[in-house]
């Protein structure tokens, strides 16, 4: 298990270097900001208004789904590397899979926020408008 995490962290660093090399410093910063921002807005942004968590409760699971998917993608990468795949080809393929997974999770987070933000708030209950049920109070009056 320790070898899995060591390889995972090494690959995270290498993936960030390859992303910086292909997109530049600003491009890498924007890409990482979009991913983290989408995940945070989709989970913590649901606390902006009282009714938002009930409108899109699945937004709270997105960071956990993102991390689990990232682990599964890297486990698959490590298995393919153990089987003797070419490191350059495997790195390129898994970089795209990881990038698409990250942006999909960020888009899902943004969607959770938009769905919750645009949801109708529950109508307030007027305490003066309430009437008790007919059998709530025993009545001995006859017509």
N, C-alpha and C. Protein backbone atom coordinates (compact mmCIF):
# COMPACT_ATOMS: atom_id res chain seq x y z
N UNK A 1 0.83 -1.19 0.00
CA UNK A 1 0.00 0.00 0.00
C UNK A 1 0.87 1.25 0.00
N UNK A 2 1.99 1.20 0.68
CA UNK A 2 2.89 2.34 0.70
C UNK A 2 3.48 2.63 -0.68
N UNK A 3 3.72 1.55 -1.44
CA UNK A 3 4.25 1.73 -2.80
C UNK A 3 3.21 2.39 -3.70
N UNK A 4 1.93 2.09 -3.47
CA UNK A 4 0.85 2.70 -4.26
C UNK A 4 0.85 4.21 -4.06
N UNK A 5 0.89 4.64 -2.80
CA UNK A 5 0.84 6.08 -2.53
C UNK A 5 2.13 6.79 -2.96
N UNK A 6 3.27 6.12 -2.84
CA UNK A 6 4.51 6.73 -3.30
C UNK A 6 4.45 6.95 -4.81
N UNK A 7 3.97 5.94 -5.54
CA UNK A 7 3.84 6.08 -6.99
C UNK A 7 2.77 7.11 -7.34
N UNK A 8 1.69 7.16 -6.56
CA UNK A 8 0.63 8.13 -6.80
C UNK A 8 1.15 9.56 -6.66
N UNK A 9 1.88 9.83 -5.60
CA UNK A 9 2.39 11.18 -5.37
C UNK A 9 3.46 11.55 -6.40
N UNK A 10 4.27 10.58 -6.78
CA UNK A 10 5.25 10.84 -7.84
C UNK A 10 4.55 11.20 -9.14
N UNK A 11 3.49 10.49 -9.45
CA UNK A 11 2.75 10.75 -10.69
C UNK A 11 2.00 12.07 -10.62
N UNK A 12 1.49 12.44 -9.47
CA UNK A 12 0.82 13.74 -9.33
C UNK A 12 1.81 14.86 -9.64
N UNK A 13 3.00 14.77 -9.08
CA UNK A 13 4.02 15.78 -9.37
C UNK A 13 4.42 15.80 -10.84
N UNK A 14 4.61 14.64 -11.42
CA UNK A 14 4.98 14.56 -12.84
C UNK A 14 3.84 15.08 -13.72
N UNK A 15 2.62 14.77 -13.34
CA UNK A 15 1.47 15.23 -14.12
C UNK A 15 1.35 16.75 -14.07
N UNK A 16 1.60 17.34 -12.91
CA UNK A 16 1.58 18.80 -12.80
C UNK A 16 2.68 19.43 -13.64
N UNK A 17 3.86 18.81 -13.65
CA UNK A 17 4.95 19.33 -14.49
C UNK A 17 4.60 19.25 -15.97
N UNK A 18 4.00 18.12 -16.40
CA UNK A 18 3.60 17.99 -17.80
C UNK A 18 2.50 18.98 -18.16
N UNK A 19 1.57 19.22 -17.23
CA UNK A 19 0.50 20.20 -17.48
C UNK A 19 1.09 21.61 -17.59
N UNK A 20 2.04 21.93 -16.73
CA UNK A 20 2.70 23.24 -16.80
C UNK A 20 3.48 23.38 -18.10
N UNK A 21 4.09 22.30 -18.53
CA UNK A 21 4.87 22.34 -19.76
C UNK A 21 3.96 22.54 -20.97
N UNK A 22 2.79 21.91 -20.97
CA UNK A 22 1.91 22.03 -22.13
C UNK A 22 1.05 23.28 -22.11
N UNK A 23 0.62 23.75 -20.93
CA UNK A 23 -0.27 24.92 -20.85
C UNK A 23 0.43 26.19 -20.39
N UNK A 24 1.61 26.07 -19.88
CA UNK A 24 2.30 27.21 -19.32
C UNK A 24 1.90 27.41 -17.86
N UNK A 25 2.58 28.35 -17.20
CA UNK A 25 2.31 28.59 -15.78
C UNK A 25 0.88 29.06 -15.55
N UNK A 26 0.46 30.04 -16.33
CA UNK A 26 -0.89 30.59 -16.16
C UNK A 26 -1.96 29.57 -16.52
N UNK A 27 -1.72 28.84 -17.60
CA UNK A 27 -2.70 27.83 -18.01
C UNK A 27 -2.88 26.75 -16.97
N UNK A 28 -1.77 26.33 -16.38
CA UNK A 28 -1.86 25.32 -15.33
C UNK A 28 -2.61 25.88 -14.13
N UNK A 29 -2.31 27.12 -13.77
CA UNK A 29 -3.00 27.73 -12.63
C UNK A 29 -4.49 27.86 -12.88
N UNK A 30 -4.86 28.26 -14.07
CA UNK A 30 -6.28 28.40 -14.41
C UNK A 30 -6.97 27.03 -14.39
N UNK A 31 -6.33 26.01 -14.96
CA UNK A 31 -6.92 24.68 -14.98
C UNK A 31 -7.13 24.15 -13.57
N UNK A 32 -6.12 24.29 -12.72
CA UNK A 32 -6.26 23.81 -11.34
C UNK A 32 -7.29 24.63 -10.57
N UNK A 33 -7.34 25.94 -10.84
CA UNK A 33 -8.33 26.78 -10.18
C UNK A 33 -9.75 26.38 -10.58
N UNK A 34 -9.96 26.08 -11.85
CA UNK A 34 -11.28 25.67 -12.31
C UNK A 34 -11.72 24.36 -11.67
N UNK A 35 -10.81 23.43 -11.57
CA UNK A 35 -11.15 22.14 -10.97
C UNK A 35 -11.47 22.31 -9.48
N UNK A 36 -10.58 22.96 -8.76
CA UNK A 36 -10.81 23.13 -7.32
C UNK A 36 -12.01 24.04 -7.05
N UNK A 37 -12.16 25.07 -7.86
CA UNK A 37 -13.30 25.96 -7.70
C UNK A 37 -14.63 25.25 -7.95
N UNK A 38 -14.68 24.42 -8.97
CA UNK A 38 -15.90 23.68 -9.25
C UNK A 38 -16.26 22.72 -8.14
N UNK A 39 -15.24 22.06 -7.59
CA UNK A 39 -15.51 21.14 -6.49
C UNK A 39 -15.95 21.87 -5.23
N UNK A 40 -15.32 23.01 -4.93
CA UNK A 40 -15.68 23.76 -3.73
C UNK A 40 -17.05 24.42 -3.85
N UNK A 41 -17.33 24.98 -5.02
CA UNK A 41 -18.65 25.62 -5.22
C UNK A 41 -19.74 24.57 -5.14
N UNK A 42 -19.48 23.37 -5.67
CA UNK A 42 -20.48 22.33 -5.67
C UNK A 42 -20.74 21.72 -4.31
N UNK A 43 -19.83 21.89 -3.38
CA UNK A 43 -20.05 21.32 -2.06
C UNK A 43 -20.25 22.41 -1.01
N UNK A 44 -19.27 23.27 -0.82
CA UNK A 44 -19.40 24.32 0.21
C UNK A 44 -20.32 25.45 -0.23
N UNK A 45 -20.45 25.66 -1.53
CA UNK A 45 -21.34 26.71 -2.02
C UNK A 45 -22.80 26.42 -1.76
N UNK A 46 -23.12 25.20 -1.41
CA UNK A 46 -24.51 24.85 -1.13
C UNK A 46 -24.99 25.40 0.21
N UNK A 47 -24.09 25.97 0.98
CA UNK A 47 -24.48 26.55 2.26
C UNK A 47 -24.83 28.03 2.15
N UNK A 48 -24.88 28.57 0.93
CA UNK A 48 -25.16 30.00 0.75
C UNK A 48 -26.58 30.34 1.21
N UNK A 49 -27.52 29.51 0.86
CA UNK A 49 -28.91 29.74 1.26
C UNK A 49 -29.43 28.49 1.97
N UNK A 50 -30.46 28.67 2.78
CA UNK A 50 -30.93 27.58 3.64
C UNK A 50 -31.46 26.38 2.85
N UNK A 51 -32.13 26.60 1.73
CA UNK A 51 -32.76 25.51 1.01
C UNK A 51 -31.83 24.83 0.00
N UNK A 52 -30.66 25.37 -0.21
CA UNK A 52 -29.78 24.82 -1.24
C UNK A 52 -29.28 23.40 -0.96
N UNK A 53 -28.94 23.01 0.27
CA UNK A 53 -28.50 21.62 0.48
C UNK A 53 -29.58 20.60 0.13
N UNK A 54 -30.83 20.94 0.36
CA UNK A 54 -31.90 20.00 0.03
C UNK A 54 -32.15 19.91 -1.48
N UNK A 55 -31.81 20.96 -2.21
CA UNK A 55 -32.05 20.97 -3.65
C UNK A 55 -31.02 20.14 -4.41
N UNK A 56 -29.80 20.08 -3.95
CA UNK A 56 -28.75 19.29 -4.63
C UNK A 56 -27.83 18.64 -3.60
N UNK A 57 -28.33 17.67 -2.84
CA UNK A 57 -27.49 17.06 -1.80
C UNK A 57 -26.33 16.26 -2.35
N UNK A 58 -26.41 15.85 -3.59
CA UNK A 58 -25.33 15.07 -4.19
C UNK A 58 -24.07 15.91 -4.39
N UNK A 59 -24.17 17.23 -4.29
CA UNK A 59 -23.00 18.08 -4.42
C UNK A 59 -21.98 17.85 -3.32
N UNK A 60 -22.46 17.43 -2.15
CA UNK A 60 -21.53 17.19 -1.03
C UNK A 60 -20.66 15.96 -1.27
N UNK A 61 -21.11 15.04 -2.11
CA UNK A 61 -20.35 13.82 -2.38
C UNK A 61 -19.28 14.01 -3.45
N UNK A 62 -19.35 15.11 -4.19
CA UNK A 62 -18.44 15.28 -5.33
C UNK A 62 -16.96 15.26 -4.97
N UNK A 63 -16.49 15.91 -3.90
CA UNK A 63 -15.06 15.80 -3.59
C UNK A 63 -14.62 14.36 -3.31
N UNK A 64 -15.48 13.58 -2.66
CA UNK A 64 -15.14 12.19 -2.37
C UNK A 64 -15.14 11.35 -3.65
N UNK A 65 -16.10 11.62 -4.53
CA UNK A 65 -16.15 10.92 -5.81
C UNK A 65 -14.92 11.28 -6.64
N UNK A 66 -14.52 12.54 -6.61
CA UNK A 66 -13.33 12.97 -7.35
C UNK A 66 -12.09 12.23 -6.86
N UNK A 67 -11.89 12.17 -5.56
CA UNK A 67 -10.71 11.51 -5.01
C UNK A 67 -10.75 10.01 -5.29
N UNK A 68 -11.92 9.39 -5.14
CA UNK A 68 -12.03 7.95 -5.42
C UNK A 68 -11.73 7.66 -6.89
N UNK A 69 -12.27 8.47 -7.78
CA UNK A 69 -11.99 8.29 -9.20
C UNK A 69 -10.53 8.50 -9.54
N UNK A 70 -9.92 9.48 -8.89
CA UNK A 70 -8.49 9.74 -9.12
C UNK A 70 -7.66 8.53 -8.67
N UNK A 71 -8.02 7.94 -7.52
CA UNK A 71 -7.31 6.75 -7.05
C UNK A 71 -7.50 5.59 -8.02
N UNK A 72 -8.72 5.41 -8.52
CA UNK A 72 -8.97 4.31 -9.45
C UNK A 72 -8.21 4.50 -10.76
N UNK A 73 -8.17 5.73 -11.26
CA UNK A 73 -7.43 6.00 -12.49
C UNK A 73 -5.95 5.71 -12.28
N UNK A 74 -5.40 6.12 -11.13
CA UNK A 74 -3.98 5.87 -10.90
C UNK A 74 -3.71 4.39 -10.64
N UNK A 75 -4.63 3.69 -10.00
CA UNK A 75 -4.44 2.25 -9.82
C UNK A 75 -4.39 1.55 -11.18
N UNK A 76 -5.26 1.98 -12.07
CA UNK A 76 -5.26 1.42 -13.43
C UNK A 76 -3.94 1.75 -14.15
N UNK A 77 -3.44 2.96 -13.97
CA UNK A 77 -2.17 3.35 -14.57
C UNK A 77 -1.03 2.50 -14.03
N UNK A 78 -1.03 2.29 -12.71
CA UNK A 78 0.04 1.49 -12.11
C UNK A 78 -0.01 0.05 -12.57
N UNK A 79 -1.20 -0.47 -12.77
CA UNK A 79 -1.32 -1.85 -13.28
C UNK A 79 -0.80 -1.94 -14.71
N UNK A 80 -1.13 -0.95 -15.53
CA UNK A 80 -0.64 -0.98 -16.91
C UNK A 80 0.88 -0.81 -16.96
N UNK A 81 1.43 -0.01 -16.05
CA UNK A 81 2.89 0.14 -15.99
C UNK A 81 3.54 -1.16 -15.54
N UNK A 82 2.92 -1.88 -14.60
CA UNK A 82 3.47 -3.15 -14.13
C UNK A 82 3.44 -4.21 -15.23
N UNK A 83 2.48 -4.09 -16.15
CA UNK A 83 2.38 -5.04 -17.26
C UNK A 83 3.36 -4.71 -18.39
N UNK A 84 4.06 -3.59 -18.26
CA UNK A 84 5.09 -3.28 -19.23
C UNK A 84 4.69 -2.27 -20.29
N UNK A 85 3.74 -1.40 -20.01
CA UNK A 85 3.34 -0.38 -20.98
C UNK A 85 4.46 0.65 -21.12
N UNK A 86 4.51 1.27 -22.27
CA UNK A 86 5.51 2.31 -22.52
C UNK A 86 5.20 3.53 -21.65
N UNK A 87 6.16 4.01 -20.85
CA UNK A 87 5.88 5.10 -19.91
C UNK A 87 5.37 6.38 -20.58
N UNK A 88 5.91 6.75 -21.74
CA UNK A 88 5.50 8.00 -22.39
C UNK A 88 4.07 7.89 -22.90
N UNK A 89 3.74 6.77 -23.50
CA UNK A 89 2.39 6.57 -24.04
C UNK A 89 1.37 6.47 -22.92
N UNK A 90 1.71 5.75 -21.87
CA UNK A 90 0.78 5.61 -20.73
C UNK A 90 0.58 6.94 -20.04
N UNK A 91 1.64 7.72 -19.89
CA UNK A 91 1.52 9.03 -19.23
C UNK A 91 0.60 9.94 -20.01
N UNK A 92 0.74 9.96 -21.32
CA UNK A 92 -0.11 10.82 -22.15
C UNK A 92 -1.58 10.40 -22.07
N UNK A 93 -1.81 9.11 -22.18
CA UNK A 93 -3.19 8.62 -22.13
C UNK A 93 -3.86 8.89 -20.79
N UNK A 94 -3.15 8.62 -19.72
CA UNK A 94 -3.73 8.81 -18.40
C UNK A 94 -3.81 10.28 -18.01
N UNK A 95 -2.95 11.11 -18.60
CA UNK A 95 -3.09 12.56 -18.38
C UNK A 95 -4.43 13.05 -18.92
N UNK A 96 -4.79 12.59 -20.11
CA UNK A 96 -6.07 13.00 -20.69
C UNK A 96 -7.25 12.47 -19.88
N UNK A 97 -7.16 11.22 -19.46
CA UNK A 97 -8.26 10.64 -18.66
C UNK A 97 -8.41 11.42 -17.36
N UNK A 98 -7.31 11.73 -16.71
CA UNK A 98 -7.35 12.46 -15.45
C UNK A 98 -7.88 13.87 -15.66
N UNK A 99 -7.44 14.52 -16.72
CA UNK A 99 -7.92 15.88 -17.01
C UNK A 99 -9.42 15.89 -17.28
N UNK A 100 -9.88 14.94 -18.07
CA UNK A 100 -11.32 14.87 -18.34
C UNK A 100 -12.11 14.54 -17.08
N UNK A 101 -11.60 13.64 -16.27
CA UNK A 101 -12.27 13.29 -15.00
C UNK A 101 -12.35 14.52 -14.09
N UNK A 102 -11.26 15.26 -14.01
CA UNK A 102 -11.22 16.44 -13.15
C UNK A 102 -12.23 17.49 -13.62
N UNK A 103 -12.25 17.75 -14.92
CA UNK A 103 -13.19 18.75 -15.43
C UNK A 103 -14.63 18.27 -15.34
N UNK A 104 -14.87 16.98 -15.48
CA UNK A 104 -16.23 16.45 -15.33
C UNK A 104 -16.72 16.64 -13.89
N UNK A 105 -15.86 16.38 -12.93
CA UNK A 105 -16.25 16.58 -11.52
C UNK A 105 -16.46 18.06 -11.23
N UNK A 106 -15.62 18.92 -11.79
CA UNK A 106 -15.78 20.36 -11.58
C UNK A 106 -17.07 20.85 -12.22
N UNK A 107 -17.40 20.35 -13.40
CA UNK A 107 -18.66 20.72 -14.05
C UNK A 107 -19.86 20.22 -13.24
N UNK A 108 -19.75 19.03 -12.69
CA UNK A 108 -20.84 18.52 -11.84
C UNK A 108 -21.01 19.39 -10.60
N UNK A 109 -19.90 19.88 -10.04
CA UNK A 109 -19.99 20.78 -8.90
C UNK A 109 -20.65 22.10 -9.26
N UNK A 110 -20.28 22.65 -10.41
CA UNK A 110 -20.93 23.88 -10.87
C UNK A 110 -22.41 23.64 -11.13
N UNK A 111 -22.74 22.49 -11.69
CA UNK A 111 -24.14 22.16 -11.94
C UNK A 111 -24.92 22.03 -10.64
N UNK A 112 -24.31 21.42 -9.63
CA UNK A 112 -24.99 21.30 -8.33
C UNK A 112 -25.29 22.68 -7.76
N UNK A 113 -24.33 23.59 -7.88
CA UNK A 113 -24.55 24.93 -7.37
C UNK A 113 -25.64 25.66 -8.14
N UNK A 114 -25.61 25.56 -9.46
CA UNK A 114 -26.62 26.25 -10.28
C UNK A 114 -28.01 25.67 -10.03
N UNK A 115 -28.11 24.36 -9.94
CA UNK A 115 -29.41 23.73 -9.66
C UNK A 115 -29.93 24.17 -8.31
N UNK A 116 -29.06 24.18 -7.30
CA UNK A 116 -29.49 24.57 -5.96
C UNK A 116 -29.81 26.06 -5.89
N UNK A 117 -29.03 26.89 -6.57
CA UNK A 117 -29.26 28.34 -6.54
C UNK A 117 -30.59 28.70 -7.20
N UNK A 118 -30.91 28.01 -8.29
CA UNK A 118 -32.13 28.34 -9.03
C UNK A 118 -33.36 27.62 -8.50
N UNK A 119 -33.20 26.78 -7.49
CA UNK A 119 -34.35 26.08 -6.92
C UNK A 119 -35.24 27.06 -6.17
N UNK A 120 -36.50 26.78 -6.21
CA UNK A 120 -37.46 27.62 -5.49
C UNK A 120 -37.33 27.38 -3.99
N UNK A 121 -37.28 28.45 -3.21
CA UNK A 121 -37.23 28.25 -1.77
C UNK A 121 -38.57 27.71 -1.28
N UNK A 122 -38.58 26.98 -0.20
CA UNK A 122 -39.85 26.47 0.31
C UNK A 122 -40.73 27.63 0.77
N UNK A 123 -42.00 27.48 0.55
CA UNK A 123 -42.92 28.54 0.95
C UNK A 123 -43.01 28.58 2.47
N UNK A 124 -42.93 29.76 3.05
CA UNK A 124 -43.02 29.84 4.51
C UNK A 124 -44.42 29.49 4.98
N UNK A 125 -44.48 28.86 6.12
CA UNK A 125 -45.75 28.46 6.71
C UNK A 125 -46.22 29.57 7.64
N UNK A 126 -47.40 30.07 7.40
CA UNK A 126 -47.98 31.09 8.26
C UNK A 126 -48.63 30.41 9.46
N UNK A 127 -48.17 30.69 10.69
CA UNK A 127 -48.73 30.00 11.85
C UNK A 127 -50.21 30.36 12.09
N UNK A 128 -50.66 31.48 11.59
CA UNK A 128 -52.07 31.86 11.77
C UNK A 128 -52.97 31.16 10.77
N UNK A 129 -52.42 30.58 9.76
CA UNK A 129 -53.21 29.92 8.73
C UNK A 129 -53.47 28.46 9.04
N UNK A 130 -52.93 27.96 10.11
CA UNK A 130 -53.03 26.55 10.45
C UNK A 130 -54.35 26.26 11.14
N UNK A 131 -54.99 25.17 10.77
CA UNK A 131 -56.20 24.71 11.46
C UNK A 131 -55.95 23.30 11.95
N UNK A 132 -56.39 23.01 13.16
CA UNK A 132 -56.16 21.66 13.68
C UNK A 132 -57.05 20.64 12.97
N UNK A 133 -56.65 19.39 12.99
CA UNK A 133 -57.50 18.35 12.41
C UNK A 133 -58.81 18.25 13.18
N UNK A 134 -59.83 17.70 12.53
CA UNK A 134 -61.16 17.65 13.15
C UNK A 134 -61.19 16.82 14.42
N UNK A 135 -60.42 15.76 14.48
CA UNK A 135 -60.46 14.90 15.66
C UNK A 135 -59.40 15.27 16.70
N UNK A 136 -58.81 16.43 16.62
CA UNK A 136 -57.77 16.84 17.56
C UNK A 136 -58.32 17.19 18.93
N UNK A 137 -59.53 17.75 18.99
CA UNK A 137 -60.14 18.18 20.25
C UNK A 137 -61.51 17.52 20.35
N UNK A 138 -61.78 16.91 21.49
CA UNK A 138 -63.09 16.29 21.70
C UNK A 138 -64.13 17.40 21.94
N UNK A 139 -65.21 17.31 21.20
CA UNK A 139 -66.27 18.33 21.30
C UNK A 139 -67.56 17.65 21.69
N UNK A 140 -68.21 18.21 22.72
CA UNK A 140 -69.48 17.65 23.19
C UNK A 140 -70.67 18.49 22.77
N UNK A 141 -70.51 19.37 21.84
CA UNK A 141 -71.62 20.23 21.39
C UNK A 141 -72.33 19.53 20.25
N UNK A 142 -73.67 19.49 20.39
CA UNK A 142 -74.49 18.86 19.35
C UNK A 142 -75.38 19.93 18.74
N UNK A 143 -75.68 19.85 17.50
CA UNK A 143 -76.58 20.86 16.93
C UNK A 143 -78.02 20.75 17.37
